[in-house]
Amino acid sequence: MERNEIPFSLGQKGGVINDASCLNKTSVYGIAKITSEDDVKNSLFYAKENDLKVTSAGQRHSMGGQAFVKGGLVLDMREFNQMHLDKESSTLNVRAGAKWSAVQEYLDKEGLSVKAMQSINIFTVGGTLSVNAHGIAHDPGQIAPTVKSMRIMTADGSIVTASPTQNIELFSHALGGYGLFGVILDVDLEVVPNEIYTWFTTYIDYKNFPNFYKEHVENNDQLGLMYGRISLSPTGYLTETAVHTFAKTQQDKPLPPLEQESLNNFSRFVINFSKTGSFGRWFRWMLEKHVENRLHTCVTRNEAMSPNEVCDVSRNQEMYDSMKYLKNKLPDTDILQEYFISPEKMTDFVDGLRKIVKENDVNLLNVTIRIVHKDTITSLPYAKDDRFAFVLYFNQKFNDKESENLQKTTTDLIDLAESMGGTFYLPYQLHYSQEQLHQAYPEIDAFFETKKKYDPSELFVNTWYDKYSK
């Protein structure tokens, strides 16, 4: 087959691609628009006949080149997005290109909710599975335990069903496999009833968070969601901690349908103002502490139960967050990092984080604490046991100095986490060394060997694989 005989729709021929960080511009052969399984199969055959490498891409929020490679063919999966619900088995079959927002809107009409998803709903289901993501549903924490099965198209064009009991090796490697073992076509996900929660916020010192979790959250089946956020205000910098818990409650009236987010312009102003320095971060923390619950989308409000107004929310509404307020035209970019630390090491990690951020003069905007549980499913587990996930949100300008500062911060934080037996999340900037990768993920060599077993010609390659598999 000649290169001009393209048996699929090529949405972009040549040119460049980038990810959400805007720091990884890469030239590619083209971007294929995938709408069917035949499109996937034809793309793979075309790539093999023309000596091209293949990557699958959704919203491209992995920030280390996991969705593309130089000169490669990118499969844009976002129009491959249909879904079907089996209510009797509480199972949603959804294609890989569907965004979580569409999944939530579909399930909400049925009185159902996802059991776990990322904390933002703009990502695709396939992308979430490929990075083994987690969210604010502390039980189960990661999405992987909610996956009943998935279908994967391998390098030879065959379709394989993989699950915890069928083709287990492929299942464990494709979850968190960064698209290196095949193209995830669709997945059967466990779903749960939509519920009403009463939202409580408790303010504690960061050193007390592990005990609070153990006493009030762990093994508490009356909590539906939970996460923490550590203050970056100068009045309680990386000490004062807000713990948000969502307790199950009963409501006589029907659950209201999902509402679109409001106040995006105001929220965007507050976030952008917090980037400017100490006063901006204090202002944002004060608003979150004293005003946020009054602006929140609530099913009901009750002022009699507490000196503060109590907000009842639906599970779906609380998990329905696109963070549209982060979109702006400022000459900067926002960078995520995540570290997974045992509860008994939390204080030491936060103390080290405080020191590293100050020494490297970087703009840390947000620190969220989530819960992840011991991973016995995937081949590259970041949770070797039950851990706290620290989600860090940095802002940087597009200049060499701030890029260098953030790179040093990344390597320093990885060293800090690893000195405590912790790990770091792989789908972000590729600043970590081979030694750091191997220390956090001693399974990495076996992972790469298994990849070659399923894809001996290395059809599926991305920038991350190119850098660390050699």
Protein backbone atom coordinates (compact mmCIF):
# COMPACT_ATOMS: atom_id res chain seq x y z
CA MET A 1 0.00 0.00 0.00
CA GLU A 2 1.33 3.39 -0.96
CA ARG A 3 1.40 6.21 1.53
CA ASN A 4 -1.20 8.17 -0.38
CA GLU A 5 -3.69 5.29 -0.08
CA ILE A 6 -4.92 6.04 3.41
CA PRO A 7 -7.85 3.76 4.45
CA PHE A 8 -9.04 6.02 7.28
CA SER A 9 -9.72 9.71 7.86
CA LEU A 10 -6.54 11.68 8.47
CA GLY A 11 -7.58 14.70 10.49
CA GLN A 12 -4.10 16.18 10.33
CA LYS A 13 -1.29 15.28 7.95
CA GLY A 14 2.17 16.25 9.14
CA GLY A 15 2.54 19.19 11.47
CA VAL A 16 3.03 19.05 15.21
CA ILE A 17 1.19 17.89 18.31
CA ASN A 18 1.46 18.93 21.95
CA ASP A 19 0.04 17.97 25.32
CA ALA A 20 -1.74 19.98 27.99
CA SER A 21 1.55 21.29 29.40
CA CYS A 22 2.34 23.05 26.08
CA LEU A 23 5.98 22.07 26.70
CA ASN A 24 6.28 18.99 24.46
CA LYS A 25 5.73 20.11 20.88
CA THR A 26 6.49 17.13 18.62
CA SER A 27 6.31 16.67 14.84
CA VAL A 28 4.18 13.71 13.73
CA TYR A 29 3.29 11.89 10.54
CA GLY A 30 -0.37 12.62 11.11
CA ILE A 31 -3.43 12.25 13.32
CA ALA A 32 -6.04 9.63 12.41
CA LYS A 33 -9.66 10.30 13.35
CA ILE A 34 -10.99 7.08 14.86
CA THR A 35 -14.74 6.43 14.77
CA SER A 36 -14.86 2.62 14.44
CA GLU A 37 -12.91 -0.55 15.12
CA ASP A 38 -12.17 -0.76 11.39
CA ASP A 39 -10.50 2.64 11.61
CA VAL A 40 -8.22 1.30 14.33
CA LYS A 41 -7.37 -1.86 12.40
CA ASN A 42 -6.76 -0.01 9.14
CA SER A 43 -4.54 2.50 10.96
CA LEU A 44 -2.41 -0.28 12.43
CA PHE A 45 -1.99 -2.05 9.07
CA TYR A 46 -1.17 1.21 7.32
CA ALA A 47 1.41 2.08 9.96
CA LYS A 48 3.10 -1.31 9.67
CA GLU A 49 3.25 -1.15 5.89
CA ASN A 50 4.73 2.34 6.02
CA ASP A 51 7.12 1.79 8.92
CA LEU A 52 5.32 4.17 11.28
CA LYS A 53 4.97 3.98 15.04
CA VAL A 54 1.50 4.28 16.60
CA THR A 55 0.14 5.97 19.69
CA SER A 56 -3.40 6.37 21.00
CA ALA A 57 -4.48 9.76 22.28
CA GLY A 58 -7.46 11.21 24.09
CA GLN A 59 -7.31 14.62 25.71
CA ARG A 60 -3.47 14.48 25.94
CA HIS A 61 -3.16 15.49 29.59
CA SER A 62 -0.29 13.11 30.23
CA MET A 63 2.64 15.50 30.19
CA GLY A 64 5.54 13.24 29.26
CA GLY A 65 4.88 12.35 25.62
CA GLN A 66 2.83 9.24 26.44
CA ALA A 67 0.35 10.08 23.66
CA PHE A 68 2.76 10.66 20.79
CA VAL A 69 6.23 10.05 19.37
CA LYS A 70 8.29 11.90 16.79
CA GLY A 71 7.19 10.98 13.26
CA GLY A 72 4.45 8.70 14.54
CA LEU A 73 0.82 8.15 13.63
CA VAL A 74 -1.51 9.34 16.39
CA LEU A 75 -4.93 7.72 16.78
CA ASP A 76 -7.35 10.39 18.00
CA MET A 77 -9.91 8.27 19.86
CA ARG A 78 -12.31 11.01 20.96
CA GLU A 79 -15.04 10.27 18.41
CA PHE A 80 -14.99 6.57 19.34
CA ASN A 81 -17.23 7.22 22.31
CA GLN A 82 -20.45 5.20 22.41
CA MET A 83 -21.71 3.54 25.61
CA HIS A 84 -24.31 1.02 26.75
CA LEU A 85 -25.69 0.30 30.23
CA ASP A 86 -26.63 -3.10 31.64
CA LYS A 87 -28.62 -2.10 34.72
CA GLU A 88 -29.09 -5.66 35.96
CA SER A 89 -25.36 -6.21 36.34
CA SER A 90 -24.55 -2.57 37.24
CA THR A 91 -22.16 -2.49 34.30
CA LEU A 92 -21.47 0.28 31.81
CA ASN A 93 -19.79 -0.66 28.56
CA VAL A 94 -18.06 2.43 27.23
CA ARG A 95 -15.69 3.00 24.33
CA ALA A 96 -12.26 4.38 25.04
CA GLY A 97 -12.78 7.82 23.51
CA ALA A 98 -15.73 8.82 25.68
CA LYS A 99 -15.08 11.67 28.09
CA TRP A 100 -15.97 11.17 31.73
CA SER A 101 -18.35 14.14 31.55
CA ALA A 102 -20.41 12.27 28.94
CA VAL A 103 -20.33 9.13 31.09
CA GLN A 104 -21.59 11.10 34.09
CA GLU A 105 -24.39 12.75 32.12
CA TYR A 106 -25.45 9.37 30.69
CA LEU A 107 -25.49 7.64 34.09
CA ASP A 108 -27.12 10.54 35.91
CA LYS A 109 -30.30 10.09 33.89
CA GLU A 110 -30.39 6.47 35.11
CA GLY A 111 -29.87 7.35 38.78
CA LEU A 112 -26.38 5.88 38.68
CA SER A 113 -22.80 7.05 39.12
CA VAL A 114 -19.29 5.86 38.38
CA LYS A 115 -17.63 4.07 41.28
CA ALA A 116 -14.30 5.79 40.61
CA MET A 117 -12.92 8.28 38.12
CA GLN A 118 -10.37 11.07 37.92
CA SER A 119 -11.24 14.19 39.89
CA ILE A 120 -11.70 16.15 36.65
CA ASN A 121 -14.13 14.90 34.02
CA ILE A 122 -12.48 16.21 30.84
CA PHE A 123 -10.32 13.10 30.30
CA THR A 124 -11.19 10.11 28.14
CA VAL A 125 -11.92 6.72 29.64
CA GLY A 126 -9.14 5.09 27.61
CA GLY A 127 -6.64 7.68 28.77
CA THR A 128 -7.63 7.14 32.39
CA LEU A 129 -7.11 3.39 32.11
CA SER A 130 -3.81 3.82 30.30
CA VAL A 131 -2.34 5.82 33.19
CA ASN A 132 -4.01 3.80 35.99
CA ALA A 133 -5.57 6.95 37.43
CA HIS A 134 -7.28 7.62 40.76
CA GLY A 135 -9.68 10.24 42.16
CA ILE A 136 -11.61 11.57 45.16
CA ALA A 137 -13.58 8.38 45.74
CA HIS A 138 -11.33 7.12 48.54
CA ASP A 139 -12.93 3.69 48.27
CA PRO A 140 -11.73 2.20 45.92
CA GLY A 141 -9.25 5.03 45.21
CA GLN A 142 -7.94 3.83 41.86
CA ILE A 143 -10.13 3.14 38.83
CA ALA A 144 -8.49 -0.25 38.17
CA PRO A 145 -10.55 -2.23 40.73
CA THR A 146 -13.77 -1.08 39.01
CA VAL A 147 -12.75 -2.51 35.63
CA LYS A 148 -14.60 -5.76 34.95
CA SER A 149 -13.06 -6.36 31.53
CA MET A 150 -11.83 -4.56 28.45
CA ARG A 151 -11.25 -5.29 24.79
CA ILE A 152 -7.86 -4.49 23.32
CA MET A 153 -6.70 -4.52 19.70
CA THR A 154 -3.18 -5.85 19.63
CA ALA A 155 -0.44 -5.14 17.09
CA ASP A 156 -1.59 -7.88 14.69
CA GLY A 157 -5.10 -6.44 14.50
CA SER A 158 -6.76 -9.11 16.63
CA ILE A 159 -9.16 -8.19 19.43
CA VAL A 160 -8.50 -9.70 22.84
CA THR A 161 -10.82 -9.59 25.85
CA ALA A 162 -8.83 -9.12 29.05
CA SER A 163 -10.09 -9.16 32.63
CA PRO A 164 -9.02 -10.19 36.15
CA THR A 165 -9.76 -13.80 35.14
CA GLN A 166 -9.14 -13.83 31.37
CA ASN A 167 -5.85 -12.95 29.66
CA ILE A 168 -4.72 -11.69 33.05
CA GLU A 169 -1.20 -10.74 31.98
CA LEU A 170 -2.43 -8.44 29.22
CA PHE A 171 -5.06 -7.00 31.56
CA SER A 172 -2.50 -6.09 34.22
CA HIS A 173 -0.13 -4.54 31.70
CA ALA A 174 -2.68 -2.58 29.64
CA LEU A 175 -3.97 -0.92 32.83
CA GLY A 176 -1.28 1.64 33.40
CA GLY A 177 0.45 0.49 30.23
CA TYR A 178 0.50 3.89 28.48
CA GLY A 179 -0.87 2.42 25.25
CA LEU A 180 2.17 0.20 24.69
CA PHE A 181 0.32 -3.13 24.60
CA GLY A 182 -2.45 -2.29 22.17
CA VAL A 183 -5.37 0.02 21.58
CA ILE A 184 -8.02 -0.12 24.31
CA LEU A 185 -11.33 -0.29 22.43
CA ASP A 186 -13.91 -0.43 25.20
CA VAL A 187 -14.29 -1.33 28.85
CA ASP A 188 -16.92 -2.76 31.20
CA LEU A 189 -17.02 -0.56 34.31
CA GLU A 190 -18.74 -1.18 37.63
CA VAL A 191 -21.28 1.54 38.42
CA VAL A 192 -23.09 2.39 41.66
CA PRO A 193 -26.24 4.31 42.67
CA ASN A 194 -26.15 8.08 42.70
CA GLU A 195 -26.48 9.23 46.30
CA ILE A 196 -26.95 12.29 48.48
CA TYR A 197 -24.07 13.32 50.75
CA THR A 198 -23.79 15.95 53.43
CA TRP A 199 -20.58 17.85 52.91
CA PHE A 200 -18.48 18.56 55.99
CA THR A 201 -15.13 20.35 56.14
CA THR A 202 -12.83 19.95 59.13
CA TYR A 203 -9.70 22.07 59.59
CA ILE A 204 -6.75 20.35 61.24
CA ASP A 205 -2.97 20.55 61.40
CA TYR A 206 -1.30 18.48 58.68
CA LYS A 207 0.42 16.33 61.31
CA ASN A 208 -3.01 15.14 62.49
CA PHE A 209 -4.24 14.06 59.07
CA PRO A 210 -3.10 10.39 59.33
CA ASN A 211 -4.90 9.97 62.67
CA PHE A 212 -8.00 11.76 61.38
CA TYR A 213 -8.08 9.42 58.41
CA LYS A 214 -7.66 6.33 60.57
CA GLU A 215 -10.30 7.37 63.11
CA HIS A 216 -12.94 8.93 60.88
CA VAL A 217 -12.50 7.65 57.31
CA GLU A 218 -10.81 4.26 57.13
CA ASN A 219 -13.40 1.44 57.13
CA ASN A 220 -16.22 3.99 57.43
CA ASP A 221 -18.84 2.83 54.93
CA GLN A 222 -20.97 5.90 55.62
CA LEU A 223 -18.57 8.15 53.75
CA GLY A 224 -18.96 8.30 49.98
CA LEU A 225 -16.12 10.69 49.07
CA MET A 226 -13.18 12.21 50.88
CA TYR A 227 -10.10 14.30 50.13
CA GLY A 228 -7.83 16.81 51.84
CA ARG A 229 -6.26 20.10 50.80
CA ILE A 230 -3.28 21.73 52.49
CA SER A 231 -3.19 25.52 52.72
CA LEU A 232 -0.70 27.56 50.73
CA SER A 233 -1.73 30.78 52.45
CA PRO A 234 1.20 32.44 54.28
CA THR A 235 -0.86 32.25 57.50
CA GLY A 236 -0.82 28.45 57.48
CA TYR A 237 1.61 27.55 54.73
CA LEU A 238 1.66 23.76 54.23
CA THR A 239 0.32 23.26 57.75
CA GLU A 240 -3.40 24.04 57.98
CA THR A 241 -5.36 21.31 56.24
CA ALA A 242 -8.98 21.17 55.09
CA VAL A 243 -10.46 17.68 55.15
CA HIS A 244 -13.59 17.37 53.00
CA THR A 245 -15.84 14.43 53.83
CA PHE A 246 -19.14 13.52 52.21
CA ALA A 247 -21.42 11.51 54.48
CA LYS A 248 -24.29 9.46 53.12
CA THR A 249 -27.70 10.87 53.99
CA GLN A 250 -31.33 10.29 53.10
CA GLN A 251 -33.49 12.58 50.97
CA ASP A 252 -37.20 12.18 50.37
CA LYS A 253 -37.29 14.16 47.16
CA PRO A 254 -35.87 12.97 43.83
CA LEU A 255 -32.27 13.76 43.02
CA PRO A 256 -31.94 16.81 40.81
CA PRO A 257 -30.25 16.42 37.42
CA LEU A 258 -26.66 17.50 36.94
CA GLU A 259 -26.13 21.23 36.62
CA GLN A 260 -23.44 22.83 34.51
CA GLU A 261 -20.75 24.62 36.44
CA SER A 262 -21.28 28.29 37.18
CA LEU A 263 -19.00 31.07 38.43
CA ASN A 264 -16.23 30.05 36.03
CA ASN A 265 -15.13 33.63 35.45
CA PHE A 266 -14.97 34.37 39.17
CA SER A 267 -13.10 31.13 39.88
CA ARG A 268 -10.68 31.89 37.05
CA PHE A 269 -9.97 35.30 38.58
CA VAL A 270 -9.32 33.77 42.00
CA ILE A 271 -6.96 31.09 40.61
CA ASN A 272 -5.05 33.61 38.49
CA PHE A 273 -4.80 36.01 41.43
CA SER A 274 -3.37 33.20 43.59
CA LYS A 275 -0.52 32.87 41.08
CA THR A 276 0.69 36.37 41.86
CA GLY A 277 2.08 35.74 45.35
CA SER A 278 1.37 35.40 49.06
CA PHE A 279 -1.58 37.79 49.23
CA GLY A 280 -3.29 36.06 46.31
CA ARG A 281 -2.86 32.66 47.95
CA TRP A 282 -4.20 34.02 51.27
CA PHE A 283 -7.21 35.51 49.47
CA ARG A 284 -7.97 32.21 47.74
CA TRP A 285 -7.70 30.20 50.98
CA MET A 286 -10.01 32.63 52.82
CA LEU A 287 -12.61 32.31 50.06
CA GLU A 288 -12.39 28.52 50.13
CA LYS A 289 -12.62 28.51 53.90
CA HIS A 290 -15.43 30.98 54.43
CA VAL A 291 -17.36 31.38 51.17
CA GLU A 292 -17.03 28.22 49.03
CA ASN A 293 -19.81 26.25 50.72
CA ARG A 294 -22.23 29.15 50.16
CA LEU A 295 -21.48 29.22 46.42
CA HIS A 296 -21.55 25.46 45.95
CA THR A 297 -24.23 23.67 43.93
CA CYS A 298 -26.27 22.02 46.69
CA VAL A 299 -29.35 19.80 46.63
CA THR A 300 -30.46 21.39 49.91
CA ARG A 301 -28.98 23.80 52.44
CA ASN A 302 -29.50 23.58 56.18
CA GLU A 303 -28.44 26.33 58.55
CA ALA A 304 -29.93 24.75 61.68
CA MET A 305 -27.44 21.90 62.01
CA SER A 306 -24.33 24.01 62.34
CA PRO A 307 -23.11 27.58 62.77
CA ASN A 308 -22.05 27.27 59.16
CA GLU A 309 -24.42 26.51 56.34
CA VAL A 310 -24.48 22.77 55.61
CA CYS A 311 -24.62 21.68 51.99
CA ASP A 312 -26.15 18.43 50.73
CA VAL A 313 -24.80 17.36 47.35
CA SER A 314 -25.36 14.51 44.94
CA ARG A 315 -22.48 12.15 44.24
CA ASN A 316 -22.62 12.95 40.54
CA GLN A 317 -22.66 16.71 41.07
CA GLU A 318 -19.69 16.62 43.44
CA MET A 319 -17.66 14.57 40.95
CA TYR A 320 -18.74 16.70 37.98
CA ASP A 321 -15.80 19.07 37.63
CA SER A 322 -14.28 20.16 34.32
CA MET A 323 -12.14 22.92 35.83
CA LYS A 324 -13.07 25.27 32.99
CA TYR A 325 -11.88 28.06 35.24
CA LEU A 326 -8.28 26.98 34.62
CA LYS A 327 -8.46 28.02 30.97
CA ASN A 328 -6.90 31.42 30.45
CA LYS A 329 -4.76 33.41 28.03
CA LEU A 330 -1.88 34.05 30.40
CA PRO A 331 1.69 33.33 29.18
CA ASP A 332 2.13 30.41 31.57
CA THR A 333 1.41 26.72 32.01
CA ASP A 334 0.20 24.53 34.85
CA ILE A 335 2.13 21.40 35.74
CA LEU A 336 0.89 18.46 37.80
CA GLN A 337 2.99 16.08 39.85
CA GLU A 338 1.95 13.25 42.19
CA TYR A 339 3.73 11.39 44.98
CA PHE A 340 2.52 8.35 46.89
CA ILE A 341 3.58 8.23 50.52
CA SER A 342 2.84 5.89 53.42
CA PRO A 343 0.68 7.57 56.11
CA GLU A 344 3.41 7.35 58.76
CA LYS A 345 5.76 9.32 56.49
CA MET A 346 3.31 12.12 55.67
CA THR A 347 4.71 14.68 58.12
CA ASP A 348 8.26 14.15 56.89
CA PHE A 349 7.18 14.43 53.27
CA VAL A 350 5.27 17.70 53.78
CA ASP A 351 8.18 19.16 55.77
CA GLY A 352 10.52 18.22 52.92
CA LEU A 353 8.10 19.61 50.32
CA ARG A 354 7.99 22.95 52.16
CA LYS A 355 11.80 23.15 52.19
CA ILE A 356 12.23 22.17 48.52
CA VAL A 357 9.61 24.60 47.22
CA LYS A 358 11.23 27.46 49.13
CA GLU A 359 14.78 26.60 48.06
CA ASN A 360 13.89 26.25 44.38
CA ASP A 361 11.61 29.30 44.28
CA VAL A 362 8.76 27.62 42.42
CA ASN A 363 5.10 28.63 42.34
CA LEU A 364 3.14 25.88 44.09
CA LEU A 365 -0.60 26.60 43.80
CA ASN A 366 -2.34 23.55 45.21
CA VAL A 367 -1.72 20.43 47.30
CA THR A 368 -4.51 17.85 47.44
CA ILE A 369 -4.40 14.63 49.45
CA ARG A 370 -6.22 11.57 48.15
CA ILE A 371 -6.30 7.92 49.14
CA VAL A 372 -4.95 5.03 47.07
CA HIS A 373 -4.92 1.41 48.12
CA LYS A 374 -2.44 -1.43 47.71
CA ASP A 375 -2.39 -2.35 44.04
CA THR A 376 -2.44 -6.08 43.31
CA ILE A 377 -3.85 -5.61 39.81
CA THR A 378 -1.47 -3.64 37.60
CA SER A 379 2.08 -4.44 36.55
CA LEU A 380 3.50 -1.02 37.54
CA PRO A 381 1.90 -0.32 40.93
CA TYR A 382 2.54 3.08 42.43
CA ALA A 383 0.75 1.98 45.59
CA LYS A 384 2.87 -0.80 47.05
CA ASP A 385 0.58 -0.58 50.09
CA ASP A 386 -2.18 1.77 51.22
CA ARG A 387 -0.90 5.30 50.70
CA PHE A 388 -1.72 8.97 50.60
CA ALA A 389 -1.50 10.51 47.13
CA PHE A 390 -0.16 14.07 47.13
CA VAL A 391 -1.32 15.89 44.00
CA LEU A 392 0.79 18.99 43.46
CA TYR A 393 -0.17 21.79 41.10
CA PHE A 394 2.60 24.13 39.96
CA ASN A 395 2.47 27.20 37.76
CA GLN A 396 5.39 28.29 35.59
CA LYS A 397 6.10 30.91 32.96
CA PHE A 398 7.46 29.94 29.54
CA ASN A 399 11.10 30.72 30.23
CA ASP A 400 14.27 28.72 30.83
CA LYS A 401 14.75 29.80 34.45
CA GLU A 402 11.34 28.65 35.65
CA SER A 403 11.61 25.44 33.62
CA GLU A 404 14.98 24.67 35.21
CA ASN A 405 13.66 25.45 38.69
CA LEU A 406 10.69 23.14 38.23
CA GLN A 407 12.88 20.39 36.80
CA LYS A 408 15.13 20.54 39.88
CA THR A 409 12.07 20.60 42.11
CA THR A 410 10.80 17.44 40.42
CA THR A 411 14.03 15.50 40.89
CA ASP A 412 14.37 16.75 44.48
CA LEU A 413 10.83 15.66 45.33
CA ILE A 414 11.35 12.25 43.74
CA ASP A 415 14.49 11.80 45.84
CA LEU A 416 12.52 12.88 48.92
CA ALA A 417 9.67 10.45 48.22
CA GLU A 418 12.02 7.57 47.45
CA SER A 419 14.03 8.18 50.62
CA MET A 420 10.81 7.37 52.48
CA GLY A 421 9.94 4.30 50.42
CA GLY A 422 7.46 6.30 48.35
CA THR A 423 6.82 6.47 44.63
CA PHE A 424 5.96 9.08 42.02
CA TYR A 425 3.47 9.15 39.16
CA LEU A 426 4.86 8.41 35.72
CA PRO A 427 2.61 10.34 33.27
CA TYR A 428 4.16 13.73 33.87
CA GLN A 429 7.30 15.58 32.75
CA LEU A 430 10.20 13.21 31.98
CA HIS A 431 12.65 14.81 34.40
CA TYR A 432 13.33 11.64 36.38
CA SER A 433 16.43 9.54 35.80
CA GLN A 434 16.70 5.85 34.99
CA GLU A 435 17.89 5.29 38.55
CA GLN A 436 14.89 7.09 40.03
CA LEU A 437 12.53 5.14 37.76
CA HIS A 438 14.04 1.80 38.75
CA GLN A 439 13.98 2.60 42.46
CA ALA A 440 10.29 3.51 42.45
CA TYR A 441 9.32 0.82 39.94
CA PRO A 442 11.66 -2.19 40.20
CA GLU A 443 9.17 -4.00 37.91
CA ILE A 444 10.01 -1.72 34.99
CA ASP A 445 12.44 -4.04 33.18
CA ALA A 446 9.97 -6.93 33.33
CA PHE A 447 7.26 -4.53 32.10
CA PHE A 448 9.32 -3.63 29.02
CA GLU A 449 10.13 -7.28 28.33
CA THR A 450 6.45 -8.21 28.46
CA LYS A 451 5.70 -5.34 26.07
CA LYS A 452 8.02 -6.93 23.50
CA LYS A 453 6.21 -10.25 23.95
CA TYR A 454 2.91 -8.67 22.91
CA ASP A 455 4.41 -6.24 20.39
CA PRO A 456 7.70 -7.72 19.09
CA SER A 457 7.94 -5.25 16.20
CA GLU A 458 7.41 -2.32 18.59
CA LEU A 459 4.51 -0.87 16.67
CA PHE A 460 3.22 0.91 19.77
CA VAL A 461 5.86 3.41 20.86
CA ASN A 462 5.72 6.78 22.58
CA THR A 463 8.21 9.38 23.78
CA TRP A 464 8.20 7.97 27.32
CA TYR A 465 9.00 4.45 26.01
CA ASP A 466 11.70 5.82 23.72
CA LYS A 467 13.48 7.47 26.63
CA TYR A 468 13.29 4.78 29.31
CA SER A 469 13.19 1.41 27.53
CA LYS A 470 16.72 1.59 26.12
